[in-house]
Amino acid sequence: MTTPTALQVAVRNPWIRRVLWSVLAVLLLWALAWLVVPPLLKHQLIKATSAQLGRQLQIGEIDFKPWTLELTVRDLAVASQDGVSAQLAIKRLYANVELESLMRLAPVLGTLTVNGPQLRVRRLASGAYDFDDVLERLATALKIGAQTDVVRREDRFERAQTIGCEHRTDPARGGDHAGRGSALDG
């Protein structure tokens, strides 16, 4: 008669089997989230944001790490009014979500980093700006949201970093203005 090995004895223990199944389930869930969340999030972001802003949104790549709750969006661009160039472009957007988000059922950001934002603003001959249509759409959406019973959750935010530039064109005053290297760290 052979004596059972330590592994065989451990597998016979129901508590060890439950722990092993739980670990396997968590690893499988992480792998599934790692594969499914980026394309699904990209599609939903483009669809919802484009409809809300009335502008085309483009996203280069989304990377999601469910084991650390980190989300990175690369090459995000919102088209200008004429659709030829980008009104707002962000090279990299990184969000580190806290584990507390799972308990609050609302996003709790530990870190939000925006790298390489570029904002192009153009003043039209009428004196209006080329992003006024977006502001009108957002104001309308906020009015509709205020009229309905929307449950608003408290969002907690700890730190932000922004490094980038802006470009303003004002043909009415005959000039271009540029600002570079702005940073914010809270």
Protein backbone atom coordinates (compact mmCIF):
# COMPACT_ATOMS: atom_id res chain seq x y z
CA MET A 1 0.00 0.00 0.00
CA THR A 2 1.37 3.40 -0.99
CA THR A 3 1.18 6.40 1.24
CA PRO A 4 -0.60 9.45 -0.18
CA THR A 5 1.53 12.46 -1.07
CA ALA A 6 1.08 15.81 0.61
CA LEU A 7 -0.71 17.14 -2.50
CA GLN A 8 -3.20 14.27 -2.47
CA VAL A 9 -3.92 14.85 1.21
CA ALA A 10 -4.33 18.58 0.61
CA VAL A 11 -6.75 18.06 -2.29
CA ARG A 12 -8.92 15.79 -0.14
CA ASN A 13 -9.41 18.61 2.35
CA PRO A 14 -12.65 20.42 1.36
CA TRP A 15 -11.40 23.82 2.57
CA ILE A 16 -8.26 23.64 0.47
CA ARG A 17 -10.36 22.60 -2.54
CA ARG A 18 -12.64 25.62 -1.99
CA VAL A 19 -9.67 27.97 -1.77
CA LEU A 20 -8.17 26.52 -4.95
CA TRP A 21 -11.49 26.88 -6.82
CA SER A 22 -11.85 30.46 -5.54
CA VAL A 23 -8.35 31.39 -6.69
CA LEU A 24 -9.03 29.79 -10.07
CA ALA A 25 -12.32 31.70 -10.38
CA VAL A 26 -10.64 35.04 -9.59
CA LEU A 27 -7.85 34.36 -12.10
CA LEU A 28 -10.41 33.43 -14.75
CA LEU A 29 -12.45 36.57 -14.03
CA TRP A 30 -9.32 38.74 -14.31
CA ALA A 31 -8.36 37.13 -17.62
CA LEU A 32 -11.87 37.59 -18.98
CA ALA A 33 -12.00 41.26 -17.87
CA TRP A 34 -8.53 41.89 -19.33
CA LEU A 35 -9.68 40.54 -22.71
CA VAL A 36 -13.27 41.85 -22.87
CA VAL A 37 -13.28 45.26 -21.15
CA PRO A 38 -10.97 47.22 -23.54
CA PRO A 39 -12.86 46.61 -26.82
CA LEU A 40 -16.25 46.89 -25.12
CA LEU A 41 -15.29 50.12 -23.33
CA LYS A 42 -13.81 51.59 -26.52
CA HIS A 43 -17.00 50.92 -28.48
CA GLN A 44 -19.29 52.29 -25.75
CA LEU A 45 -17.14 55.40 -25.15
CA ILE A 46 -17.06 56.27 -28.85
CA LYS A 47 -20.79 55.69 -29.26
CA ALA A 48 -21.96 57.57 -26.14
CA THR A 49 -19.48 60.46 -26.29
CA SER A 50 -19.98 61.08 -30.01
CA ALA A 51 -23.75 61.19 -29.50
CA GLN A 52 -23.50 63.47 -26.46
CA LEU A 53 -21.00 65.94 -27.93
CA GLY A 54 -22.19 65.87 -31.52
CA ARG A 55 -18.57 65.34 -32.53
CA GLN A 56 -16.67 62.27 -33.64
CA LEU A 57 -14.50 60.68 -30.94
CA GLN A 58 -11.48 58.58 -31.83
CA ILE A 59 -9.60 56.32 -29.43
CA GLY A 60 -6.34 54.65 -30.32
CA GLU A 61 -5.97 51.99 -27.64
CA ILE A 62 -7.43 51.08 -24.27
CA ASP A 63 -5.49 49.01 -21.75
CA PHE A 64 -7.23 47.67 -18.63
CA LYS A 65 -5.54 45.79 -15.81
CA PRO A 66 -8.26 44.34 -13.56
CA TRP A 67 -5.81 43.05 -10.96
CA THR A 68 -4.67 46.61 -10.16
CA LEU A 69 -7.77 48.48 -11.45
CA GLU A 70 -5.68 50.61 -13.85
CA LEU A 71 -7.10 52.02 -17.07
CA THR A 72 -5.01 53.67 -19.78
CA VAL A 73 -6.52 55.33 -22.85
CA ARG A 74 -4.11 56.32 -25.61
CA ASP A 75 -4.57 58.72 -28.53
CA LEU A 76 -7.97 60.13 -27.61
CA ALA A 77 -9.23 62.81 -30.03
CA VAL A 78 -12.46 64.81 -30.32
CA ALA A 79 -13.03 66.17 -33.82
CA SER A 80 -13.45 69.87 -34.51
CA GLN A 81 -16.72 71.38 -35.71
CA ASP A 82 -15.80 70.88 -39.37
CA GLY A 83 -14.48 67.37 -38.65
CA VAL A 84 -11.16 68.01 -40.38
CA SER A 85 -8.85 68.28 -37.37
CA ALA A 86 -8.91 67.46 -33.67
CA GLN A 87 -10.44 70.03 -31.31
CA LEU A 88 -9.11 68.15 -28.27
CA ALA A 89 -6.39 65.52 -28.38
CA ILE A 90 -4.95 63.62 -25.43
CA LYS A 91 -1.88 61.46 -25.90
CA ARG A 92 -2.41 59.33 -22.77
CA LEU A 93 -5.09 59.28 -20.08
CA TYR A 94 -4.28 57.10 -17.06
CA ALA A 95 -6.67 56.35 -14.22
CA ASN A 96 -5.82 54.31 -11.14
CA VAL A 97 -9.12 53.39 -9.53
CA GLU A 98 -9.18 52.56 -5.83
CA LEU A 99 -10.52 49.25 -4.54
CA GLU A 100 -13.02 51.32 -2.55
CA SER A 101 -14.91 51.83 -5.86
CA LEU A 102 -16.20 48.27 -5.64
CA MET A 103 -17.76 48.94 -2.25
CA ARG A 104 -19.19 52.37 -3.14
CA LEU A 105 -20.34 51.28 -6.61
CA ALA A 106 -18.94 54.58 -7.88
CA PRO A 107 -15.51 55.52 -9.21
CA VAL A 108 -12.97 56.52 -6.58
CA LEU A 109 -9.83 57.71 -8.36
CA GLY A 110 -6.48 57.40 -6.68
CA THR A 111 -4.63 58.96 -9.61
CA LEU A 112 -5.71 60.60 -12.82
CA THR A 113 -2.92 61.57 -15.20
CA VAL A 114 -3.44 63.39 -18.49
CA ASN A 115 -0.36 63.43 -20.74
CA GLY A 116 -0.06 65.50 -23.88
CA PRO A 117 -3.42 67.29 -24.01
CA GLN A 118 -3.81 69.64 -26.95
CA LEU A 119 -6.77 71.98 -27.19
CA ARG A 120 -7.46 73.93 -30.37
CA VAL A 121 -9.88 76.83 -29.98
CA ARG A 122 -10.93 79.02 -32.87
CA ARG A 123 -12.95 82.21 -32.67
CA LEU A 124 -15.33 82.54 -35.59
CA ALA A 125 -15.97 85.76 -37.49
CA SER A 126 -19.36 86.01 -35.72
CA GLY A 127 -17.55 86.28 -32.37
CA ALA A 128 -18.61 82.81 -31.21
CA TYR A 129 -16.15 80.01 -30.56
CA ASP A 130 -16.03 76.78 -32.52
CA PHE A 131 -16.92 74.75 -29.44
CA ASP A 132 -20.13 76.64 -28.52
CA ASP A 133 -22.27 73.89 -30.06
CA VAL A 134 -20.76 71.36 -27.64
CA LEU A 135 -21.50 73.63 -24.67
CA GLU A 136 -25.11 74.00 -25.82
CA ARG A 137 -25.51 70.22 -26.12
CA LEU A 138 -24.02 69.66 -22.65
CA ALA A 139 -26.20 72.39 -21.12
CA THR A 140 -29.29 70.78 -22.65
CA ALA A 141 -28.25 67.37 -21.33
CA LEU A 142 -27.72 68.83 -17.84
CA LYS A 143 -31.18 70.45 -17.90
CA ILE A 144 -32.78 67.16 -18.90
CA GLY A 145 -30.82 65.35 -16.17
CA ALA A 146 -31.91 67.93 -13.58
CA GLN A 147 -35.58 67.50 -14.50
CA THR A 148 -35.51 63.75 -13.96
CA ASP A 149 -34.76 62.04 -10.67
CA VAL A 150 -31.17 61.13 -11.36
CA VAL A 151 -29.29 59.63 -8.45
CA ARG A 152 -25.95 61.35 -8.18
CA ARG A 153 -23.12 59.62 -6.42
CA GLU A 154 -20.28 61.29 -4.63
CA ASP A 155 -16.99 60.97 -6.47
CA ARG A 156 -13.77 61.29 -4.52
CA PHE A 157 -10.66 62.48 -6.28
CA GLU A 158 -7.23 62.69 -4.76
CA ARG A 159 -4.65 63.76 -7.36
CA ALA A 160 -4.44 65.07 -10.91
CA GLN A 161 -1.54 65.76 -13.24
CA THR A 162 -1.73 67.54 -16.56
CA ILE A 163 1.08 68.34 -18.94
CA GLY A 164 0.24 69.70 -22.39
CA CYS A 165 -0.50 72.66 -24.60
CA GLU A 166 -3.32 74.73 -26.05
CA HIS A 167 -3.67 76.59 -29.33
CA ARG A 168 -6.12 79.44 -29.90
CA THR A 169 -6.88 81.03 -33.26
CA ASP A 170 -8.69 84.37 -33.33
CA PRO A 171 -9.11 85.67 -36.89
CA ALA A 172 -11.27 88.56 -35.67
CA ARG A 173 -8.27 89.93 -33.78
CA GLY A 174 -5.73 88.53 -36.23
CA GLY A 175 -3.66 86.28 -34.04
CA ASP A 176 -2.68 82.85 -32.87
CA HIS A 177 -1.91 82.13 -29.23
CA ALA A 178 -0.22 79.08 -27.78
CA GLY A 179 0.42 77.93 -24.24
CA ARG A 180 2.64 74.99 -23.33
CA GLY A 181 3.76 73.06 -20.30
CA SER A 182 0.93 73.62 -17.86
CA ALA A 183 0.89 71.27 -14.86
CA LEU A 184 -1.49 70.61 -12.00
CA ASP A 185 -0.82 68.35 -9.05
CA GLY A 186 -3.31 68.31 -6.19
